[in-house]
C-alpha cells in the first residue's frame, strides 16, 4: 500500500470514531499540515481526504494551529515563536497573537528533520555496537530492527527527564551457539553527541524565520511555544533558548496543542467560536520561468494570504503568436531547482515585432492556498487560466 492509501484509511477511521462519538455522521474537517509543506504536498493531502470521504473546510499549518491553541484567550498582543519538532518535520513560525487575531509574520522549516531522525541515531549506535561485539548487523533483521526502533524511541523520551537509561533487549537474535541479548546504558551526554548534527540543523529554520520576519527584532519576542514531543529534548530546548534569548514556555501539552488549534478553527466554521481571524502566509515564493532559465518571483514567500499580484512580460521573438509559462514554487534563482507546478499557455497573440505585445500574468491565492494563474494579452484582452487545484489532482 502507498503512504497515501494508509493515510486515507487513518483519516477514514478518525471520521468513523468521531461519528460514533457524536452520534451523527461527520464529513467535514480541518486538517493541519507541516508548516513547510509545499503546494503539491498540500494538494496531495486534499486528494487523500477526498478518498477518505472528508470535505476539508480548511488546511492550516501546524505552527499556526499551535498558536491558536496557545493564544485563544490572550487579550494583549504578543509576538510568539512556535517551535514544532514532531516525528518527521520541524516547523517554525513567528506570529502576532492577541484579541482573536493570529497573524503569521514568517514561517520556515525542515521537512526532513524530526524525532524519527533522533531515534535512528540511537538505532545506528546500538546496531554498530552490537555488530562490533557479535558480528551481526541487527538492521538486516526486520523483527530485530523493529525492536531497536521501539527501544530507541523509549530511550530518547526517558533521556528528556533522566541523565541515563538502560536499554535491555533479551533474545534480540540467535546464532547456532544460542540466543544473543542486547544490554547497554545510554547517557544523555552520549545521546547529545550522537545527535549533535541534528541539533545544529534545528537552528537553521529558526534563523531563517527571524530574518524573514522583518517587522520585529529578537527583543520583541514575548513567548517561545514548544510543540511536538521531540521539542522536549533538553539539548534542543537549550539551543532554542540560546538563539532566541528567551525562556521557553513548557506549560502546554506539546502533543495536543496542534489538535486543539485545529478544533478551534473547526469551531469557527461551525459557528461556535466567534471573533477569530487567521492571517496565514505562504512558505515558498511563487513565480514563472523567464528568459535564461531564471525563476521570476511574482508572490514572494511569507506573503499574507489571500493575495493577488501581477507582473507584465513581453514577447521575445518577432511574430510570436503564443507563449508558455512554467509555474514554479520555490526560492532558487535557477528555475530547475524549484518545484514545477504546471504549465500555462496563451495563444492568439497578434503577430508583431518582439517586445510589442504585453502579457500580464496574475497569481491569485485564496485563504486555503489554492492558486489560480491567469495570462492576459493586454492588447486584445485574450486570456488563458490555469486552476492548479484541478490540474494537480488529475
Protein backbone atom coordinates (compact mmCIF):
# COMPACT_ATOMS: atom_id res chain seq x y z
CA UNK A 1 0.00 0.00 0.00
CA UNK A 2 1.16 3.53 -0.69
CA UNK A 3 1.62 6.12 2.06
CA UNK A 4 -1.38 7.96 0.60
CA UNK A 5 -3.59 4.85 0.89
CA UNK A 6 -2.55 4.31 4.50
CA UNK A 7 -3.24 7.93 5.43
CA UNK A 8 -6.65 7.76 3.74
CA UNK A 9 -7.51 4.72 5.89
CA UNK A 10 -6.36 6.53 9.04
CA UNK A 11 -8.48 9.58 8.20
CA UNK A 12 -11.46 7.35 7.42
CA UNK A 13 -11.08 5.66 10.82
CA UNK A 14 -10.91 9.06 12.55
CA UNK A 15 -14.16 10.05 10.86
CA UNK A 16 -15.75 6.78 11.98
CA UNK A 17 -14.62 7.32 15.58
CA UNK A 18 -15.82 10.93 15.62
CA UNK A 19 -19.17 9.98 14.08
CA UNK A 20 -19.72 7.21 16.62
CA UNK A 21 -18.87 9.56 19.49
CA UNK A 22 -21.15 12.33 18.23
CA UNK A 23 -24.00 10.02 17.27
CA UNK A 24 -24.22 11.53 13.79
CA UNK A 25 -22.23 11.33 10.59
CA UNK A 26 -19.49 13.93 10.22
CA UNK A 27 -17.67 14.50 6.95
CA UNK A 28 -16.14 17.97 7.35
CA UNK A 29 -12.73 18.53 8.88
CA UNK A 30 -9.93 21.00 9.46
CA UNK A 31 -6.64 19.31 8.60
CA UNK A 32 -3.23 20.52 9.69
CA UNK A 33 -0.02 20.05 7.71
CA UNK A 34 3.64 20.77 8.43
CA UNK A 35 4.31 24.49 8.08
CA UNK A 36 6.87 23.94 5.35
CA UNK A 37 4.67 21.76 3.13
CA UNK A 38 4.75 22.96 -0.46
CA UNK A 39 1.76 23.42 -2.75
CA UNK A 40 1.88 19.92 -4.24
CA UNK A 41 2.10 18.29 -0.81
CA UNK A 42 -0.96 20.24 0.36
CA UNK A 43 -2.86 19.17 -2.75
CA UNK A 44 -1.93 15.54 -2.03
CA UNK A 45 -3.47 15.90 1.43
CA UNK A 46 -6.69 17.21 -0.16
CA UNK A 47 -6.79 14.26 -2.56
CA UNK A 48 -6.25 11.84 0.33
CA UNK A 49 -9.04 13.47 2.34
CA UNK A 50 -11.42 13.08 -0.62
CA UNK A 51 -10.51 9.37 -0.75
CA UNK A 52 -11.50 9.11 2.90
CA UNK A 53 -14.81 10.87 2.24
CA UNK A 54 -13.79 14.06 4.02
CA UNK A 55 -14.68 17.57 2.92
CA UNK A 56 -11.85 19.87 4.03
CA UNK A 57 -13.11 23.13 5.48
CA UNK A 58 -9.58 24.46 5.68
CA UNK A 59 -5.96 23.35 5.73
CA UNK A 60 -3.86 25.15 8.33
CA UNK A 61 -0.22 24.76 9.24
CA UNK A 62 0.90 23.00 12.41
CA UNK A 63 2.55 26.01 13.99
CA UNK A 64 -0.41 28.27 13.17
CA UNK A 65 -2.79 25.76 14.76
CA UNK A 66 -0.49 25.57 17.78
CA UNK A 67 -0.55 29.35 18.13
CA UNK A 68 -4.35 29.26 18.14
CA UNK A 69 -4.33 26.58 20.81
CA UNK A 70 -1.95 28.69 22.88
CA UNK A 71 -3.28 32.18 22.26
CA UNK A 72 -7.07 31.90 22.09
CA UNK A 73 -7.58 33.63 25.43
CA UNK A 74 -4.77 36.18 25.02
CA UNK A 75 -6.16 39.71 25.06
CA UNK A 76 -2.88 41.62 24.89
CA UNK A 77 -0.85 41.44 21.69
CA UNK A 78 2.15 39.12 21.88
CA UNK A 79 4.84 38.13 19.43
CA UNK A 80 5.41 34.40 19.74
CA UNK A 81 7.72 31.89 18.11
CA UNK A 82 6.25 28.42 17.69
CA UNK A 83 8.92 25.71 17.52
CA UNK A 84 7.30 22.46 16.38
CA UNK A 85 9.55 19.40 16.28
CA UNK A 86 7.36 16.41 15.53
CA UNK A 87 8.12 12.89 14.42
CA UNK A 88 9.08 13.76 10.86
CA UNK A 89 9.22 17.53 10.38
CA UNK A 90 10.45 20.73 12.02
CA UNK A 91 8.24 23.82 11.68
CA UNK A 92 8.98 27.36 12.85
CA UNK A 93 6.55 30.26 12.75
CA UNK A 94 6.71 33.79 14.07
CA UNK A 95 3.27 35.21 14.85
CA UNK A 96 1.47 38.16 16.36
CA UNK A 97 -1.44 36.96 18.52
CA UNK A 98 -3.98 38.77 20.61
CA UNK A 99 -7.67 39.59 20.91
CA UNK A 100 -8.68 36.85 18.47
CA UNK A 101 -6.24 37.79 15.70
CA UNK A 102 -3.50 35.37 14.64
CA UNK A 103 -1.15 36.91 12.11
CA UNK A 104 1.76 34.89 10.74
CA UNK A 105 4.81 37.08 10.16
CA UNK A 106 7.11 34.37 8.82
CA UNK A 107 7.41 30.62 8.59
CA UNK A 108 10.27 28.24 7.91
CA UNK A 109 11.10 24.61 8.48
CA UNK A 110 12.75 21.36 7.53
CA UNK A 111 10.51 18.62 6.13
CA UNK A 112 13.24 16.02 6.64
CA UNK A 113 14.06 16.57 10.31
CA UNK A 114 12.08 15.15 13.22
CA UNK A 115 12.04 12.83 16.18
CA UNK A 116 12.43 9.79 13.93
CA UNK A 117 15.88 11.06 12.93
CA UNK A 118 16.92 11.20 16.59
CA UNK A 119 15.61 7.64 17.03
CA UNK A 120 17.65 6.50 14.03
CA UNK A 121 20.84 7.86 15.58
CA UNK A 122 20.25 5.65 18.62
CA UNK A 123 19.33 2.67 16.43
CA UNK A 124 22.55 3.00 14.42
CA UNK A 125 24.60 3.37 17.60
CA UNK A 126 23.08 0.23 19.15
CA UNK A 127 23.36 -1.75 15.91
CA UNK A 128 27.01 -0.79 15.32
CA UNK A 129 27.91 -1.53 18.94
CA UNK A 130 26.24 -4.96 18.71
CA UNK A 131 27.89 -5.65 15.35
CA UNK A 132 31.35 -4.99 16.80
CA UNK A 133 30.67 -7.32 19.71
CA UNK A 134 28.82 -10.13 17.92
CA UNK A 135 29.50 -9.67 14.19
CA UNK A 136 25.76 -9.43 13.46
CA UNK A 137 24.02 -6.41 11.90
CA UNK A 138 20.61 -6.26 13.58
CA UNK A 139 19.35 -3.78 10.97
CA UNK A 140 19.14 -6.62 8.43
CA UNK A 141 16.63 -8.49 10.61
CA UNK A 142 13.18 -6.89 10.34
CA UNK A 143 11.96 -8.06 13.75
CA UNK A 144 15.20 -7.08 15.48
CA UNK A 145 15.17 -3.69 13.76
CA UNK A 146 11.61 -3.03 14.90
CA UNK A 147 12.60 -3.78 18.50
CA UNK A 148 15.59 -1.47 18.15
CA UNK A 149 13.38 1.36 16.86
CA UNK A 150 10.92 0.97 19.73
CA UNK A 151 13.73 0.83 22.29
CA UNK A 152 15.40 3.89 20.74
CA UNK A 153 12.25 5.98 20.97
CA UNK A 154 11.70 4.88 24.58
CA UNK A 155 15.30 5.78 25.46
CA UNK A 156 15.01 9.19 23.78
CA UNK A 157 11.89 10.00 25.79
CA UNK A 158 13.46 8.85 29.07
CA UNK A 159 16.60 10.90 28.47
CA UNK A 160 14.48 14.05 28.49
CA UNK A 161 13.97 13.57 32.24
CA UNK A 162 16.94 11.44 33.37
CA UNK A 163 20.67 11.57 32.61
CA UNK A 164 21.00 7.91 31.63
CA UNK A 165 18.80 4.97 30.70
CA UNK A 166 19.14 1.21 30.41
CA UNK A 167 18.37 -0.48 27.08
CA UNK A 168 17.73 -4.16 27.60
CA UNK A 169 16.58 -6.35 24.69
CA UNK A 170 16.79 -10.05 25.56
CA UNK A 171 16.79 -12.63 22.76
CA UNK A 172 17.31 -9.92 20.14
CA UNK A 173 18.72 -12.56 17.78
CA UNK A 174 20.15 -16.06 17.78
CA UNK A 175 23.12 -17.97 16.37
CA UNK A 176 23.92 -21.69 16.24
CA UNK A 177 25.63 -21.15 19.61
CA UNK A 178 22.45 -19.80 21.21
CA UNK A 179 20.45 -16.66 21.89
CA UNK A 180 22.01 -13.21 21.88
CA UNK A 181 20.95 -10.33 24.11
CA UNK A 182 21.44 -6.57 23.91
CA UNK A 183 22.06 -4.84 27.22
CA UNK A 184 23.64 -1.39 27.40
CA UNK A 185 23.49 2.00 29.09
CA UNK A 186 22.93 5.20 27.12
CA UNK A 187 23.73 8.52 28.77
CA UNK A 188 22.21 11.86 27.86
CA UNK A 189 25.68 13.17 27.05
CA UNK A 190 26.27 10.31 24.59
CA UNK A 191 22.83 10.82 23.03
CA UNK A 192 23.52 14.54 22.54
CA UNK A 193 26.87 13.75 20.95
CA UNK A 194 25.24 11.26 18.56
CA UNK A 195 22.62 13.86 17.59
CA UNK A 196 24.79 16.97 17.52
CA UNK A 197 24.34 17.48 13.77
CA UNK A 198 20.53 17.21 14.10
CA UNK A 199 20.51 19.69 16.97
CA UNK A 200 22.56 22.13 14.87
CA UNK A 201 20.09 21.72 11.99
CA UNK A 202 17.28 22.86 14.30
CA UNK A 203 18.77 26.35 14.35
CA UNK A 204 18.73 26.97 10.60
CA UNK A 205 14.90 27.32 10.20
CA UNK A 206 14.75 29.45 13.37
CA UNK A 207 17.31 31.88 11.98
CA UNK A 208 15.57 31.91 8.58
CA UNK A 209 12.18 32.73 10.12
CA UNK A 210 13.67 35.50 12.25
CA UNK A 211 15.38 37.00 9.22
CA UNK A 212 12.16 36.91 7.15
CA UNK A 213 10.02 38.42 9.93
CA UNK A 214 11.48 41.85 9.22
CA UNK A 215 8.82 43.68 11.21
CA UNK A 216 10.50 42.95 14.54
CA UNK A 217 13.78 42.09 16.24
CA UNK A 218 14.57 39.34 18.76
CA UNK A 219 13.85 41.62 21.69
CA UNK A 220 10.23 41.88 20.54
CA UNK A 221 9.58 38.15 21.18
CA UNK A 222 7.30 37.64 24.17
CA UNK A 223 6.97 33.86 24.24
CA UNK A 224 8.51 30.74 22.74
CA UNK A 225 6.00 27.89 22.48
CA UNK A 226 7.43 24.39 22.04
CA UNK A 227 5.25 21.87 20.20
CA UNK A 228 5.82 18.20 19.33
CA UNK A 229 7.20 15.50 21.60
CA UNK A 230 10.81 15.89 20.46
CA UNK A 231 10.78 19.59 21.36
CA UNK A 232 11.26 18.36 24.96
CA UNK A 233 14.79 17.08 24.26
CA UNK A 234 16.93 19.11 26.71
CA UNK A 235 19.66 19.88 24.13
CA UNK A 236 17.02 21.17 21.69
CA UNK A 237 15.47 23.34 24.40
CA UNK A 238 18.89 24.72 25.25
CA UNK A 239 19.85 25.72 21.69
CA UNK A 240 16.45 27.32 21.04
CA UNK A 241 16.72 29.27 24.28
CA UNK A 242 20.25 30.33 23.34
CA UNK A 243 19.46 31.53 19.81
CA UNK A 244 16.25 33.35 20.80
CA UNK A 245 17.46 34.61 24.15
CA UNK A 246 14.10 33.83 25.77
CA UNK A 247 12.77 31.44 28.36
CA UNK A 248 10.75 28.55 26.94
CA UNK A 249 7.03 28.07 27.56
CA UNK A 250 6.53 24.50 28.81
CA UNK A 251 3.08 24.96 30.30
CA UNK A 252 1.24 23.36 27.40
CA UNK A 253 0.97 19.75 26.26
CA UNK A 254 3.25 19.61 23.20
CA UNK A 255 1.40 16.64 21.70
CA UNK A 256 -2.09 18.18 21.87
CA UNK A 257 -1.64 21.86 21.06
CA UNK A 258 -1.92 21.48 17.26
CA UNK A 259 -5.10 19.41 17.55
CA UNK A 260 -6.59 21.97 19.96
CA UNK A 261 -5.87 24.75 17.46
CA UNK A 262 -7.45 22.76 14.63
CA UNK A 263 -10.52 22.17 16.81
CA UNK A 264 -10.77 25.91 17.45
CA UNK A 265 -10.69 26.55 13.69
CA UNK A 266 -13.36 23.89 13.29
CA UNK A 267 -15.41 25.73 15.88
CA UNK A 268 -15.12 28.88 13.77
CA UNK A 269 -16.61 27.09 10.75
CA UNK A 270 -19.34 25.54 12.92
CA UNK A 271 -20.26 28.98 14.26
CA UNK A 272 -19.42 28.01 17.85
CA UNK A 273 -16.26 30.14 18.13
CA UNK A 274 -16.61 33.84 17.34
CA UNK A 275 -14.27 36.73 16.59
CA UNK A 276 -11.29 34.72 15.35
CA UNK A 277 -9.21 36.00 12.44
CA UNK A 278 -6.39 33.91 10.98
CA UNK A 279 -3.90 35.61 8.67
CA UNK A 280 -1.59 32.96 7.20
CA UNK A 281 1.36 33.24 4.82
CA UNK A 282 2.82 31.13 2.02
CA UNK A 283 6.07 29.35 2.97
CA UNK A 284 7.59 29.45 -0.54
CA UNK A 285 7.64 32.02 -3.36
CA UNK A 286 5.50 31.58 -6.50
CA UNK A 287 6.64 32.70 -9.92
CA UNK A 288 7.35 31.76 -13.52
CA UNK A 289 10.35 30.79 -15.62
CA UNK A 290 11.67 33.65 -17.73
CA UNK A 291 14.37 34.04 -20.38
CA UNK A 292 17.62 32.34 -19.42
CA UNK A 293 16.01 29.74 -17.17
CA UNK A 294 15.54 32.22 -14.33
CA UNK A 295 12.83 31.99 -11.65
CA UNK A 296 10.99 35.33 -11.62
CA UNK A 297 9.07 35.69 -8.36
CA UNK A 298 5.57 37.12 -8.54
CA UNK A 299 4.49 36.42 -4.96
CA UNK A 300 7.45 36.20 -2.52
CA UNK A 301 7.47 33.75 0.40
CA UNK A 302 5.86 34.83 3.68
CA UNK A 303 3.29 36.96 1.84
CA UNK A 304 -0.01 37.04 3.75
CA UNK A 305 -2.90 35.25 2.02
CA UNK A 306 -5.34 35.72 0.40
CA UNK A 307 -3.36 37.79 -2.09
CA UNK A 308 -3.34 38.71 -5.78
CA UNK A 309 -0.35 40.06 -7.73
CA UNK A 310 0.50 40.66 -11.36
CA UNK A 311 3.58 41.20 -13.50
CA UNK A 312 3.85 42.18 -17.17
CA UNK A 313 6.01 40.40 -19.76
CA UNK A 314 6.71 40.99 -23.46
CA UNK A 315 7.21 38.60 -26.37
CA UNK A 316 10.85 37.63 -27.01
CA UNK A 317 10.76 36.88 -30.75
CA UNK A 318 9.27 38.59 -33.81
CA UNK A 319 5.75 37.50 -34.86
CA UNK A 320 5.34 35.36 -31.74
CA UNK A 321 1.72 34.17 -31.51
CA UNK A 322 1.90 32.06 -28.36
CA UNK A 323 3.75 31.98 -25.06
CA UNK A 324 4.30 29.27 -22.43
CA UNK A 325 4.76 29.89 -18.72
CA UNK A 326 6.22 27.31 -16.33
CA UNK A 327 4.52 27.92 -12.98
CA UNK A 328 7.04 27.50 -10.17
CA UNK A 329 7.20 27.30 -6.38
CA UNK A 330 10.45 27.85 -4.54
CA UNK A 331 13.19 30.34 -3.80
CA UNK A 332 16.07 29.28 -6.05
CA UNK A 333 17.25 31.58 -8.86
CA UNK A 334 17.60 28.68 -11.31
CA UNK A 335 14.09 27.56 -12.24
CA UNK A 336 15.11 23.87 -12.41
CA UNK A 337 15.88 23.90 -8.68
CA UNK A 338 12.29 24.84 -7.84
CA UNK A 339 9.08 22.80 -7.87
CA UNK A 340 7.31 22.93 -11.23
CA UNK A 341 3.58 23.11 -10.50
CA UNK A 342 2.31 23.21 -14.06
CA UNK A 343 2.36 24.98 -17.40
CA UNK A 344 0.14 27.75 -18.73
CA UNK A 345 -0.04 28.60 -22.47
CA UNK A 346 -1.56 31.68 -24.06
CA UNK A 347 -2.26 31.53 -27.82
CA UNK A 348 -3.75 34.04 -30.24
CA UNK A 349 -1.25 36.85 -29.75
CA UNK A 350 -1.33 39.07 -32.91
CA UNK A 351 1.97 38.81 -34.88
CA UNK A 352 4.22 41.81 -34.13
CA UNK A 353 7.88 42.67 -33.57
CA UNK A 354 9.26 41.28 -30.34
CA UNK A 355 8.59 43.41 -27.27
CA UNK A 356 5.42 44.98 -28.72
CA UNK A 357 2.83 42.60 -27.26
CA UNK A 358 2.46 42.83 -23.48
CA UNK A 359 1.26 39.84 -21.44
CA UNK A 360 0.02 40.29 -17.88
CA UNK A 361 0.43 37.24 -15.64
CA UNK A 362 -1.66 37.25 -12.46
CA UNK A 363 -1.27 34.92 -9.47
CA UNK A 364 -4.33 34.76 -7.20
CA UNK A 365 -4.13 32.74 -3.95
CA UNK A 366 -7.19 32.27 -1.74
CA UNK A 367 -7.30 31.74 2.04
CA UNK A 368 -6.92 27.97 1.58
CA UNK A 369 -3.80 28.40 -0.53
CA UNK A 370 -5.49 27.48 -3.82
CA UNK A 371 -3.59 29.11 -6.66
CA UNK A 372 -5.22 30.50 -9.81
CA UNK A 373 -2.87 31.72 -12.56
CA UNK A 374 -4.07 33.85 -15.48
CA UNK A 375 -2.18 35.14 -18.54
CA UNK A 376 -3.78 38.02 -20.45
CA UNK A 377 -2.79 39.76 -23.67
CA UNK A 378 -3.28 43.40 -22.71
CA UNK A 379 -3.71 44.39 -26.35
CA UNK A 380 -6.53 42.00 -27.27
CA UNK A 381 -7.85 41.06 -23.85
CA UNK A 382 -7.47 37.35 -24.68
CA UNK A 383 -6.99 35.21 -21.53
CA UNK A 384 -5.78 31.79 -20.51
CA UNK A 385 -6.33 30.46 -16.97
CA UNK A 386 -4.86 27.57 -15.01
CA UNK A 387 -6.59 26.43 -11.84
CA UNK A 388 -3.79 24.42 -10.30
CA UNK A 389 -6.20 22.92 -7.78
CA UNK A 390 -7.67 20.77 -10.55
CA UNK A 391 -4.52 20.28 -12.56
CA UNK A 392 -2.64 18.70 -9.69
CA UNK A 393 -5.46 16.39 -8.63
CA UNK A 394 -5.79 14.71 -12.04
